[in-house]
Structure formats: C-alpha cells, structure tokens
Amino acid sequence: MARSHRLVLALLLTLASGRALAIGEVITDIRVQDNARTLEETVRQMAGINIGEVLEIDTLDRVRERLNTSGLFSDVNVFWRPYRYGVQVVIVVRDKFPWAPLPTFSYSPGNVSGGLLVGHANLFGRGKRGVVGGRYSNVDSGALAIYDDPALFGSWGFFTLQGRWNDQVLPEFSNVENPEMPLVPIRNTRLRSWGSDIRVGVAWFRKVRTAIGWVYDRNTMRASGPDPHNPFAPMDLPPAMTVPEIRRGVALASLTFDFRAREHAVLYGNSLSFSMEYGAPRFGSDKTIEYWKASAQYEQGIRFLRRHNLIVRAAAYVGDKMPFWVENATNGNNLRGFVYRQFMGDTHLRTQVEYHFPLFSIKELEIRGLVFNDGAAIWYRKLPPQVDDSYEARADGRQFLPPSLLREGFDSHQDVHWSAGAGLRFFIRSVAVPLVGIDFADGFGTGTARTVLAAGA
C-alpha cells in the first residue's frame, strides 16, 4: 500500500513539474482539432492567443474559459506539448449543432405566446449569428430578424442589425390601494409598431464593451379604452395616446464591463453595464417627442461544488417623458408571481437572487433545480400637472389614468413588491439555450401561486 501511494505521489509531482516547466516558454505553434463546423481561424481568434506569446500559469485556463463562454462548443479541451524551441498549444473542440428551427412557448399570468425561431449561431463558420422568427400572443405578437457579428472583420469591433414588427396590448393597472378592486386592467391599449435598430461598438480587451446605436420605429394606436370587466374603470376614460401615430428616433450609448464566463449551464464572474437612450426630432422622432431613459445593471455568478450556481442581479431604470410603450413595467421574467405589466412607472429598481443546483443527467440532458427571490420597486416620480379630476395630457399625446387611480411619488407600502418560488431548468449540452424552464412563484400579498413557463428559450 505504501508503495502504491509513493507511485501516485511521484506521478502527481511529475505532472506538476511538467506543467511548471512549460511556464515561461514561448508558444511556437497552435493546433486546432475536431472543429467540424467552425473555421480554425475563428477558433484561434476566440481563444485569444498567438504564436510568439509566452505561456503563463493561467493561459490554458483563459483559453478554455473563452471557448466555453462563446456558446459554440459542447466540449473544450486545451493542453500543451513540447514543440521545437517552445511549446505547442493544442485546442480540441466539439462543435454544437449551429442551427435549428426552434418552436417557442411561454406562459405567465396575463401573457401566453407561441412561435417559431430559425437561428444559426455560427454563420460561415465564423461565429456570426442570425435569427428569423415570429410569435403569436394574446398581448405581444411580433416578428423579428437579427444579424449579429461579434467580431467585425476579425477585430474587437462588433455589429448588430435588427428589424422587428410588434402588435401589443398594453394594460394599465391602478397603483392606488383599494382592496375591493379586482386584479383587472383599468385600460387596455392596442399598439402596432415596426422599426429597426443598428448598433456598433468595440470590445476593448474583450471585457470592456462600448457601443453606440440608432433606433427608428413607427407606432400606431389601433384602440384604447377602459376594460369592461373592471367596474372601477371610468367609462369616459380618454385613450392612453391622444395622437394616433408617432415616429420615434433614438440615439443609444452603452458601456459594459463583462467578466462573466459560462461552462454549459453554470455562470460565474460578474458584469456591470450602463446604457442611455435619448429620443428627439434630430434623430428622427416627431417634434413632440423628447425623452431620455438610463439604466444600470449588475450580475454576479458564483460557482461552487463544481455544478452549483448562485446568481445575483440588480438593476435600476429611470427616465423622463418616455413614450407610453417605453415606460418601465414588470413582467413574468423580472417579477415572477404577478400579472403581466401589473406595475408601471418612470422609475424601476429590481433585484433577483437565484440558486441553481443539479438534480440528475440523462446523457446530454441535464436537469437542474432552482429557488429564487424577485424584488421590485416601481413608481412614477413625476406626472403632468393635475387639472380637476385628471392629469394634463403631455405634448406627445400621453394621457395618464386619473389621480383617483394613479398617484405620483414613492410609497414603500404600495410600490415595493416581492415574490419567491422554485423551478426547473432542462439543458442539452449540444444546444446553447435552456430547452425548457418552469417556475412556480408566490407574489407576496397576493395569496396566489402562479406559474411561469418558457419552452425553447
């Protein structure tokens, strides 16, 4: 027994000393193997190493992390071996299947949708991405086409072009506490819009991203009026938009510090991002539109016990004179356990804490559980001046609910909302997104547990 222990110890020391001997050696060759769909040039670019560099203690780990985070490979192995006067880095990758028609389905209280996406995650073998798809929903139908180039001409530059069409039903609820009021919208507005946006930027040293962009869309109000199922909705309620059609042109800017990495279903590292949008006539908006909206978002992923994952998110959104459809709202993703767009405002703070843990695996299918807590504070900082029993209509045609149903200012008892629950996630190693996710959430104070389901996303 003692002899076998000595042999194991000698083997470990040999491996450790071999690794240590490679540190400080020049990389004299890079070999890519088993890349069936991704060009060797693209794999090398994603790996971020070049011939002539010195092999450092964390070089192979960084290469492995970058390739896993790209989402293109189901397996990644990186090692070195002696080569000429230095070392050769060998990268062995197994490509994920890059494209598929992907049926989608989602359910959350107040929002049911189904659709089809056809996406390709590795166009031309160069890691470019394209998506075409559509969905039908009771409140948010639409179609979109996206082209995303994360490495423009093989550089640190990136480019995204998107076209979209939406047909939405935007509900408005009262934020004035009234225990007798049913959980039914006061007013529903049907809005149809189409437009496009373009974004270009630079990923400085891969981790710091700066971008600018431009958005243009046309928005047509098809109908707006009180919900007949809510007895508290005034029958003479004016429409949410007194102007039937609005053009919007917006300049965008963003800054992101992204130190996250992903190994299949596990996210680790952190990111911090800031964004700003400014809509005005000089960017293509109607002369009545001039608004701004800013946001800050933080995400931290902590990996422990290899496959366990704690994810913490926090975000803040604030704006002024935002068009109706741009105002902040909660939904089934950021506040599970409540009804779709149940809370709205020009100021929105939110948090999410999720603990993901493995349950079992069947070949490439991994089934994971999670428990979570969502929090949100959302309110209107500033509403137009009050005239008798209503708010004055804004220049862009936005007409808010009357003061008896919508109040200005923050109230910690009515504007802070919490939910908690548990769910399941189903992952396939050869697919870049969760196959199915289902959550059961209790919105605190509602006395009702609600289900949120997403399939194919």
Protein backbone atom coordinates (compact mmCIF):
# COMPACT_ATOMS: atom_id res chain seq x y z
CA MET A 1 0.00 0.00 0.00
CA ALA A 2 2.81 2.40 0.88
CA ARG A 3 4.47 1.64 -2.44
CA SER A 4 1.29 2.47 -4.40
CA HIS A 5 1.00 5.79 -2.50
CA ARG A 6 4.58 6.63 -3.44
CA LEU A 7 3.85 5.85 -7.11
CA VAL A 8 0.78 8.11 -7.14
CA LEU A 9 2.73 10.88 -5.43
CA ALA A 10 5.58 10.53 -7.94
CA LEU A 11 3.12 10.70 -10.85
CA LEU A 12 1.49 13.87 -9.47
CA LEU A 13 4.86 15.50 -8.93
CA THR A 14 5.89 14.61 -12.46
CA LEU A 15 2.74 16.16 -13.93
CA ALA A 16 3.09 19.27 -11.77
CA SER A 17 6.74 19.68 -12.64
CA GLY A 18 5.92 19.22 -16.34
CA ARG A 19 3.33 22.00 -16.14
CA ALA A 20 5.74 24.22 -14.25
CA LEU A 21 8.48 23.60 -16.85
CA ALA A 22 6.14 24.94 -19.56
CA ILE A 23 5.53 28.25 -17.76
CA GLY A 24 7.57 30.98 -19.40
CA GLU A 25 8.08 29.01 -22.63
CA VAL A 26 7.30 30.63 -25.97
CA ILE A 27 4.21 29.38 -27.83
CA THR A 28 5.70 28.18 -31.10
CA ASP A 29 2.58 26.59 -32.61
CA ILE A 30 -1.20 26.43 -32.09
CA ARG A 31 -3.07 23.38 -33.31
CA VAL A 32 -6.90 23.18 -33.53
CA GLN A 33 -8.50 19.75 -33.72
CA ASP A 34 -12.01 18.26 -34.25
CA ASN A 35 -13.51 21.61 -35.37
CA ALA A 36 -16.06 20.27 -37.84
CA ARG A 37 -18.11 23.46 -38.35
CA THR A 38 -16.02 26.35 -37.03
CA LEU A 39 -13.07 27.66 -39.04
CA GLU A 40 -9.67 27.21 -37.41
CA GLU A 41 -9.07 30.95 -37.78
CA THR A 42 -12.25 31.66 -35.79
CA VAL A 43 -11.32 29.21 -33.02
CA ARG A 44 -7.90 30.86 -32.68
CA GLN A 45 -9.46 34.29 -32.60
CA MET A 46 -11.88 33.26 -29.85
CA ALA A 47 -9.06 31.60 -27.91
CA GLY A 48 -7.20 34.92 -27.83
CA ILE A 49 -3.63 33.58 -28.03
CA ASN A 50 -0.98 33.95 -30.71
CA ILE A 51 2.29 32.32 -31.72
CA GLY A 52 5.16 34.17 -30.06
CA GLU A 53 3.39 34.79 -26.78
CA VAL A 54 4.77 33.42 -23.53
CA LEU A 55 2.81 30.62 -21.84
CA GLU A 56 1.69 31.88 -18.42
CA ILE A 57 0.32 29.95 -15.50
CA ASP A 58 -3.32 30.74 -16.41
CA THR A 59 -3.06 30.81 -20.23
CA LEU A 60 -4.71 27.44 -20.83
CA ASP A 61 -7.48 28.17 -18.32
CA ARG A 62 -8.23 31.51 -20.02
CA VAL A 63 -8.41 29.84 -23.44
CA ARG A 64 -10.74 27.16 -22.12
CA GLU A 65 -12.97 29.77 -20.46
CA ARG A 66 -13.23 31.93 -23.59
CA LEU A 67 -14.16 29.00 -25.81
CA ASN A 68 -16.77 27.67 -23.38
CA THR A 69 -18.28 31.15 -22.99
CA SER A 70 -18.65 31.55 -26.77
CA GLY A 71 -21.51 29.05 -26.65
CA LEU A 72 -20.38 27.31 -29.85
CA PHE A 73 -18.82 24.18 -28.36
CA SER A 74 -20.23 21.35 -26.28
CA ASP A 75 -16.74 20.20 -25.20
CA VAL A 76 -13.41 22.03 -24.97
CA ASN A 77 -10.01 20.58 -24.09
CA VAL A 78 -6.78 22.62 -24.11
CA PHE A 79 -3.28 21.32 -23.37
CA TRP A 80 0.38 21.88 -24.32
CA ARG A 81 3.21 19.71 -25.54
CA PRO A 82 6.86 20.42 -26.42
CA TYR A 83 7.38 21.74 -29.92
CA ARG A 84 10.68 22.91 -31.43
CA TYR A 85 12.21 25.52 -29.11
CA GLY A 86 9.00 26.13 -27.13
CA VAL A 87 5.54 24.62 -26.66
CA GLN A 88 2.60 23.82 -28.89
CA VAL A 89 -0.90 24.65 -27.60
CA VAL A 90 -3.46 22.08 -28.73
CA ILE A 91 -7.13 23.08 -28.75
CA VAL A 92 -9.66 20.27 -29.12
CA VAL A 93 -13.26 21.41 -29.60
CA ARG A 94 -16.55 19.69 -30.31
CA ASP A 95 -18.99 21.94 -32.18
CA LYS A 96 -22.58 22.32 -31.11
CA PHE A 97 -25.18 21.91 -33.82
CA PRO A 98 -25.26 25.51 -35.11
CA TRP A 99 -28.81 25.95 -36.38
CA ALA A 100 -32.30 24.61 -35.91
CA PRO A 101 -35.95 25.58 -36.26
CA LEU A 102 -36.85 26.17 -32.62
CA PRO A 103 -40.50 26.18 -31.53
CA THR A 104 -41.11 28.52 -28.60
CA PHE A 105 -43.81 28.74 -26.00
CA SER A 106 -44.15 30.89 -22.92
CA TYR A 107 -46.76 31.35 -20.27
CA SER A 108 -47.00 33.84 -17.44
CA PRO A 109 -50.13 35.32 -15.86
CA GLY A 110 -51.66 37.60 -18.50
CA ASN A 111 -49.25 36.62 -21.30
CA VAL A 112 -49.42 33.42 -23.38
CA SER A 113 -47.39 33.11 -26.59
CA GLY A 114 -46.17 30.55 -29.08
CA GLY A 115 -43.92 30.86 -32.09
CA LEU A 116 -41.02 29.64 -34.15
CA LEU A 117 -37.41 30.83 -34.37
CA VAL A 118 -34.91 29.75 -37.00
CA GLY A 119 -31.46 30.62 -35.75
CA HIS A 120 -27.86 29.99 -36.74
CA ALA A 121 -25.14 30.53 -34.14
CA ASN A 122 -22.15 30.03 -36.41
CA LEU A 123 -22.74 31.57 -39.84
CA PHE A 124 -19.96 30.95 -42.38
CA GLY A 125 -18.08 29.04 -39.65
CA ARG A 126 -17.00 32.42 -38.22
CA GLY A 127 -19.25 32.70 -35.16
CA LYS A 128 -21.68 35.18 -36.75
CA ARG A 129 -25.28 34.82 -35.62
CA GLY A 130 -28.59 35.17 -37.43
CA VAL A 131 -32.17 34.77 -36.22
CA VAL A 132 -35.51 34.98 -38.04
CA GLY A 133 -38.74 34.25 -36.23
CA GLY A 134 -42.15 35.24 -35.02
CA ARG A 135 -44.63 34.63 -32.23
CA TYR A 136 -48.35 34.89 -31.65
CA SER A 137 -49.51 36.11 -28.26
CA ASN A 138 -52.64 37.36 -26.59
CA VAL A 139 -50.75 40.56 -25.65
CA ASP A 140 -47.41 40.69 -27.52
CA SER A 141 -47.28 39.22 -31.03
CA GLY A 142 -44.38 40.03 -33.30
CA ALA A 143 -41.72 39.08 -35.82
CA LEU A 144 -38.02 39.87 -35.98
CA ALA A 145 -34.86 39.35 -37.99
CA ILE A 146 -31.41 39.80 -36.41
CA TYR A 147 -27.86 39.66 -37.70
CA ASP A 148 -25.12 39.82 -35.07
CA ASP A 149 -21.39 39.95 -35.79
CA PRO A 150 -19.43 39.73 -32.51
CA ALA A 151 -16.04 40.15 -34.26
CA LEU A 152 -16.32 42.51 -37.22
CA PHE A 153 -13.66 41.57 -39.82
CA GLY A 154 -11.94 39.51 -37.12
CA SER A 155 -11.41 42.56 -34.89
CA TRP A 156 -12.61 43.61 -31.46
CA GLY A 157 -15.42 45.52 -33.16
CA PHE A 158 -18.99 44.19 -33.20
CA PHE A 159 -22.13 44.99 -35.17
CA THR A 160 -25.83 44.20 -34.76
CA LEU A 161 -28.70 44.90 -37.16
CA GLN A 162 -32.31 44.17 -36.24
CA GLY A 163 -35.70 44.60 -37.88
CA ARG A 164 -38.93 43.99 -35.97
CA TRP A 165 -42.72 44.19 -36.07
CA ASN A 166 -44.97 44.12 -32.98
CA ASP A 167 -48.67 44.05 -32.24
CA GLN A 168 -49.12 44.64 -28.50
CA VAL A 169 -51.88 45.02 -25.96
CA LEU A 170 -50.60 47.29 -23.16
CA PRO A 171 -52.65 47.06 -19.96
CA GLU A 172 -52.64 49.73 -17.25
CA PHE A 173 -53.47 48.93 -13.64
CA SER A 174 -54.22 51.25 -10.76
CA ASN A 175 -51.40 51.90 -8.26
CA VAL A 176 -53.83 53.27 -5.66
CA GLU A 177 -54.53 50.72 -2.94
CA ASN A 178 -58.14 49.53 -2.98
CA PRO A 179 -58.89 46.05 -1.59
CA GLU A 180 -62.23 45.95 -3.44
CA MET A 181 -60.69 46.46 -6.90
CA PRO A 182 -60.33 43.23 -8.93
CA LEU A 183 -56.97 42.37 -10.47
CA VAL A 184 -58.10 43.56 -13.90
CA PRO A 185 -56.62 46.38 -16.01
CA ILE A 186 -58.23 49.81 -15.87
CA ARG A 187 -57.44 50.44 -19.54
CA ASN A 188 -56.11 48.39 -22.48
CA THR A 189 -54.29 49.92 -25.44
CA ARG A 190 -53.62 48.10 -28.68
CA LEU A 191 -50.42 49.33 -30.33
CA ARG A 192 -48.80 48.24 -33.59
CA SER A 193 -45.20 49.17 -34.39
CA TRP A 194 -42.45 48.36 -36.85
CA GLY A 195 -38.88 49.54 -36.99
CA SER A 196 -35.20 48.69 -36.92
CA ASP A 197 -32.06 49.44 -34.98
CA ILE A 198 -28.35 49.29 -35.64
CA ARG A 199 -25.53 49.11 -33.08
CA VAL A 200 -21.78 49.19 -33.49
CA GLY A 201 -19.11 49.02 -30.83
CA VAL A 202 -15.75 47.81 -29.63
CA ALA A 203 -14.95 45.09 -27.08
CA TRP A 204 -11.79 46.57 -25.57
CA PHE A 205 -9.50 43.75 -24.40
CA ARG A 206 -12.60 41.52 -24.79
CA LYS A 207 -14.01 42.54 -21.39
CA VAL A 208 -14.96 46.22 -21.74
CA ARG A 209 -17.58 46.97 -24.39
CA THR A 210 -18.60 50.39 -25.65
CA ALA A 211 -21.37 50.81 -28.21
CA ILE A 212 -23.50 53.42 -29.92
CA GLY A 213 -26.64 52.90 -31.94
CA TRP A 214 -29.76 54.29 -33.54
CA VAL A 215 -33.37 53.11 -33.30
CA TYR A 216 -36.22 54.13 -35.56
CA ASP A 217 -39.82 52.94 -35.35
CA ARG A 218 -43.36 53.97 -36.24
CA ASN A 219 -46.09 53.31 -33.69
CA THR A 220 -49.82 53.27 -34.42
CA MET A 221 -52.50 53.15 -31.74
CA ARG A 222 -55.25 50.85 -33.01
CA ALA A 223 -57.56 51.03 -29.97
CA SER A 224 -57.52 52.30 -26.39
CA GLY A 225 -60.25 52.24 -23.80
CA PRO A 226 -61.46 51.11 -20.37
CA ASP A 227 -61.58 47.40 -19.59
CA PRO A 228 -65.26 46.38 -19.45
CA HIS A 229 -64.51 43.75 -16.79
CA ASN A 230 -63.31 46.34 -14.24
CA PRO A 231 -66.16 48.20 -12.51
CA PHE A 232 -63.69 50.86 -11.27
CA ALA A 233 -62.72 51.88 -14.84
CA PRO A 234 -64.47 55.17 -15.78
CA MET A 235 -66.49 54.75 -18.96
CA ASP A 236 -65.41 58.21 -20.18
CA LEU A 237 -61.71 57.36 -19.79
CA PRO A 238 -59.65 59.00 -22.58
CA PRO A 239 -57.22 56.92 -24.67
CA ALA A 240 -53.66 56.39 -23.41
CA MET A 241 -52.37 58.18 -26.54
CA THR A 242 -54.37 61.06 -27.96
CA VAL A 243 -52.08 61.08 -31.04
CA PRO A 244 -52.87 58.03 -33.21
CA GLU A 245 -49.43 57.66 -34.82
CA ILE A 246 -45.93 58.57 -33.60
CA ARG A 247 -42.46 58.29 -35.13
CA ARG A 248 -39.59 57.64 -32.76
CA GLY A 249 -35.89 58.11 -33.47
CA VAL A 250 -33.45 57.36 -30.65
CA ALA A 251 -29.68 57.60 -30.12
CA LEU A 252 -28.20 54.86 -27.93
CA ALA A 253 -24.96 54.56 -25.97
CA SER A 254 -23.75 51.83 -23.62
CA LEU A 255 -20.74 50.82 -21.54
CA THR A 256 -20.30 47.27 -20.23
CA PHE A 257 -17.66 45.65 -18.03
CA ASP A 258 -18.19 41.93 -18.58
CA PHE A 259 -16.10 39.43 -16.62
CA ARG A 260 -18.63 36.61 -16.81
CA ALA A 261 -17.91 33.15 -18.12
CA ARG A 262 -20.16 30.18 -18.69
CA GLU A 263 -19.44 26.50 -18.59
CA HIS A 264 -22.55 24.87 -20.03
CA ALA A 265 -25.34 25.61 -17.51
CA VAL A 266 -23.14 27.31 -14.89
CA LEU A 267 -22.49 31.07 -14.92
CA TYR A 268 -19.64 32.63 -12.95
CA GLY A 269 -17.98 36.04 -12.77
CA ASN A 270 -19.65 39.45 -12.85
CA SER A 271 -20.76 42.19 -15.21
CA LEU A 272 -21.72 45.85 -14.82
CA SER A 273 -23.39 47.80 -17.61
CA PHE A 274 -24.72 51.30 -18.17
CA SER A 275 -26.95 52.44 -21.03
CA MET A 276 -28.57 55.65 -22.16
CA GLU A 277 -31.15 56.40 -24.82
CA TYR A 278 -32.24 59.83 -25.98
CA GLY A 279 -35.16 60.38 -28.32
CA ALA A 280 -35.53 63.70 -30.12
CA PRO A 281 -36.51 65.16 -33.53
CA ARG A 282 -32.85 65.40 -34.57
CA PHE A 283 -32.74 61.57 -34.54
CA GLY A 284 -35.97 61.11 -36.49
CA SER A 285 -38.67 61.49 -33.82
CA ASP A 286 -41.81 63.55 -34.20
CA LYS A 287 -41.33 67.09 -32.91
CA THR A 288 -43.46 66.32 -29.82
CA ILE A 289 -41.07 63.60 -28.59
CA GLU A 290 -38.04 64.43 -26.49
CA TYR A 291 -37.21 61.99 -23.73
CA TRP A 292 -34.37 60.13 -22.05
CA LYS A 293 -34.03 56.78 -20.33
CA ALA A 294 -30.99 55.48 -18.43
CA SER A 295 -30.22 52.14 -16.84
CA ALA A 296 -27.57 50.36 -14.78
CA GLN A 297 -27.42 46.56 -14.41
CA TYR A 298 -25.24 44.24 -12.36
CA GLU A 299 -24.96 40.45 -12.42
CA GLN A 300 -22.79 38.17 -10.28
CA GLY A 301 -22.49 34.44 -10.79
CA ILE A 302 -20.83 32.31 -8.12
CA ARG A 303 -19.88 28.71 -8.87
CA PHE A 304 -19.29 26.25 -6.03
CA LEU A 305 -19.26 22.48 -5.61
CA ARG A 306 -18.47 22.43 -9.35
CA ARG A 307 -22.08 22.46 -10.64
CA HIS A 308 -23.90 24.61 -8.09
CA ASN A 309 -24.60 28.22 -9.03
CA LEU A 310 -25.70 31.31 -7.13
CA ILE A 311 -26.75 34.22 -9.39
CA VAL A 312 -27.45 37.71 -8.07
CA ARG A 313 -28.86 40.50 -10.26
CA ALA A 314 -29.69 44.13 -9.57
CA ALA A 315 -30.85 46.87 -11.92
CA ALA A 316 -32.14 50.43 -11.97
CA TYR A 317 -34.10 52.17 -14.74
CA VAL A 318 -35.06 55.83 -14.72
CA GLY A 319 -36.36 58.21 -17.38
CA ASP A 320 -38.33 61.34 -18.17
CA LYS A 321 -41.20 61.92 -20.63
CA MET A 322 -40.86 58.42 -22.03
CA PRO A 323 -43.40 57.37 -24.69
CA PHE A 324 -46.14 55.13 -23.37
CA TRP A 325 -44.69 51.87 -24.73
CA VAL A 326 -41.18 52.72 -23.42
CA GLU A 327 -42.22 53.21 -19.78
CA ASN A 328 -40.85 50.72 -17.26
CA ALA A 329 -43.05 47.75 -16.44
CA THR A 330 -42.78 44.46 -14.57
CA ASN A 331 -43.40 41.15 -16.30
CA GLY A 332 -43.14 37.40 -15.85
CA ASN A 333 -39.34 37.44 -16.16
CA ASN A 334 -38.36 40.19 -13.73
CA LEU A 335 -41.15 39.79 -11.16
CA ARG A 336 -42.49 36.26 -11.19
CA GLY A 337 -45.72 35.70 -9.28
CA PHE A 338 -47.54 38.80 -10.52
CA VAL A 339 -49.61 39.63 -13.59
CA TYR A 340 -48.06 40.84 -16.86
CA ARG A 341 -47.29 44.61 -16.65
CA GLN A 342 -49.15 44.85 -13.35
CA PHE A 343 -46.85 47.67 -12.20
CA MET A 344 -45.56 50.59 -14.30
CA GLY A 345 -43.56 53.75 -13.68
CA ASP A 346 -40.79 56.06 -14.80
CA THR A 347 -38.52 54.69 -12.05
CA HIS A 348 -37.81 50.99 -11.52
CA LEU A 349 -35.41 49.23 -9.13
CA ARG A 350 -35.23 45.45 -9.13
CA THR A 351 -33.30 42.53 -7.69
CA GLN A 352 -33.15 38.80 -8.35
CA VAL A 353 -31.41 36.04 -6.41
CA GLU A 354 -31.36 32.53 -7.87
CA TYR A 355 -29.72 29.36 -6.58
CA HIS A 356 -29.34 26.68 -9.29
CA PHE A 357 -28.36 23.12 -8.39
CA PRO A 358 -28.01 19.84 -10.33
CA LEU A 359 -30.64 17.15 -9.97
CA PHE A 360 -29.64 14.46 -12.48
CA SER A 361 -28.48 13.95 -16.06
CA ILE A 362 -29.58 11.65 -18.85
CA LYS A 363 -26.80 11.51 -21.45
CA GLU A 364 -26.56 15.12 -22.76
CA LEU A 365 -29.73 16.28 -20.99
CA GLU A 366 -29.08 17.98 -17.65
CA ILE A 367 -31.98 18.68 -15.31
CA ARG A 368 -31.39 21.40 -12.73
CA GLY A 369 -33.50 22.88 -9.97
CA LEU A 370 -33.61 26.43 -8.67
CA VAL A 371 -35.07 28.52 -5.90
CA PHE A 372 -35.41 32.27 -6.32
CA ASN A 373 -36.49 35.59 -4.90
CA ASP A 374 -37.54 38.57 -7.03
CA GLY A 375 -37.95 42.13 -5.79
CA ALA A 376 -39.11 45.34 -7.46
CA ALA A 377 -39.80 48.93 -6.52
CA ILE A 378 -41.55 50.83 -9.31
CA TRP A 379 -43.32 54.19 -9.28
CA TYR A 380 -43.87 57.49 -11.10
CA ARG A 381 -41.55 60.23 -9.89
CA LYS A 382 -43.22 62.88 -11.97
CA LEU A 383 -46.67 63.13 -13.56
CA PRO A 384 -48.13 66.06 -15.53
CA PRO A 385 -49.96 68.83 -13.64
CA GLN A 386 -53.39 67.91 -12.32
CA VAL A 387 -56.40 69.60 -13.91
CA ASP A 388 -59.62 68.99 -11.93
CA ASP A 389 -60.02 65.20 -11.78
CA SER A 390 -57.42 64.28 -14.43
CA TYR A 391 -53.79 64.81 -15.38
CA GLU A 392 -52.97 67.19 -18.21
CA ALA A 393 -52.15 65.42 -21.49
CA ARG A 394 -48.48 65.63 -22.48
CA ALA A 395 -47.28 67.21 -25.72
CA ASP A 396 -46.63 63.76 -27.22
CA GLY A 397 -50.25 62.76 -26.56
CA ARG A 398 -49.67 60.59 -23.46
CA GLN A 399 -52.77 60.65 -21.24
CA PHE A 400 -52.32 59.05 -17.81
CA LEU A 401 -55.00 57.44 -15.68
CA PRO A 402 -56.84 59.93 -13.43
CA PRO A 403 -55.45 60.83 -9.95
CA SER A 404 -58.07 58.63 -8.28
CA LEU A 405 -56.38 55.59 -9.89
CA LEU A 406 -52.77 56.72 -10.37
CA ARG A 407 -50.66 58.66 -7.89
CA GLU A 408 -47.28 60.34 -8.06
CA GLY A 409 -44.41 59.61 -5.68
CA PHE A 410 -42.96 56.65 -3.83
CA ASP A 411 -44.86 54.75 -1.14
CA SER A 412 -42.89 51.90 0.42
CA HIS A 413 -46.10 50.08 1.39
CA GLN A 414 -47.56 50.06 -2.13
CA ASP A 415 -44.64 50.38 -4.54
CA VAL A 416 -42.34 47.60 -3.28
CA HIS A 417 -43.17 44.05 -4.37
CA TRP A 418 -41.61 40.67 -3.60
CA SER A 419 -42.04 37.13 -4.85
CA ALA A 420 -40.32 33.80 -4.23
CA GLY A 421 -40.55 30.33 -5.65
CA ALA A 422 -38.85 27.34 -7.20
CA GLY A 423 -38.44 25.89 -10.65
CA LEU A 424 -36.72 23.51 -13.06
CA ARG A 425 -34.35 24.03 -15.98
CA PHE A 426 -33.64 21.49 -18.71
CA PHE A 427 -30.36 21.89 -20.61
CA ILE A 428 -28.90 19.99 -23.56
CA ARG A 429 -25.12 20.30 -23.84
CA SER A 430 -25.28 20.49 -27.63
CA VAL A 431 -27.77 23.39 -27.56
CA ALA A 432 -26.80 26.90 -26.45
CA VAL A 433 -30.03 27.78 -24.59
CA PRO A 434 -32.25 26.09 -21.98
CA LEU A 435 -34.70 23.73 -23.62
CA VAL A 436 -37.46 24.28 -21.05
CA GLY A 437 -37.81 26.34 -17.90
CA ILE A 438 -40.74 26.27 -15.50
CA ASP A 439 -41.15 28.31 -12.30
CA PHE A 440 -43.76 28.35 -9.56
CA ALA A 441 -43.87 31.72 -7.81
CA ASP A 442 -45.80 33.28 -4.95
CA GLY A 443 -46.30 37.02 -5.23
CA PHE A 444 -46.20 38.21 -1.62
CA GLY A 445 -49.53 39.63 -0.55
CA THR A 446 -51.48 38.16 -3.45
CA GLY A 447 -52.40 34.88 -1.77
CA THR A 448 -51.91 33.16 -5.15
CA ALA A 449 -49.13 30.97 -6.54
CA ARG A 450 -48.55 31.50 -10.25
CA THR A 451 -46.71 29.54 -12.94
CA VAL A 452 -44.16 30.89 -15.43
CA LEU A 453 -43.21 28.60 -18.30
CA ALA A 454 -40.76 29.09 -21.17
CA ALA A 455 -40.03 26.43 -23.81
CA GLY A 456 -37.37 26.79 -26.46
CA ALA A 457 -35.83 29.91 -24.88
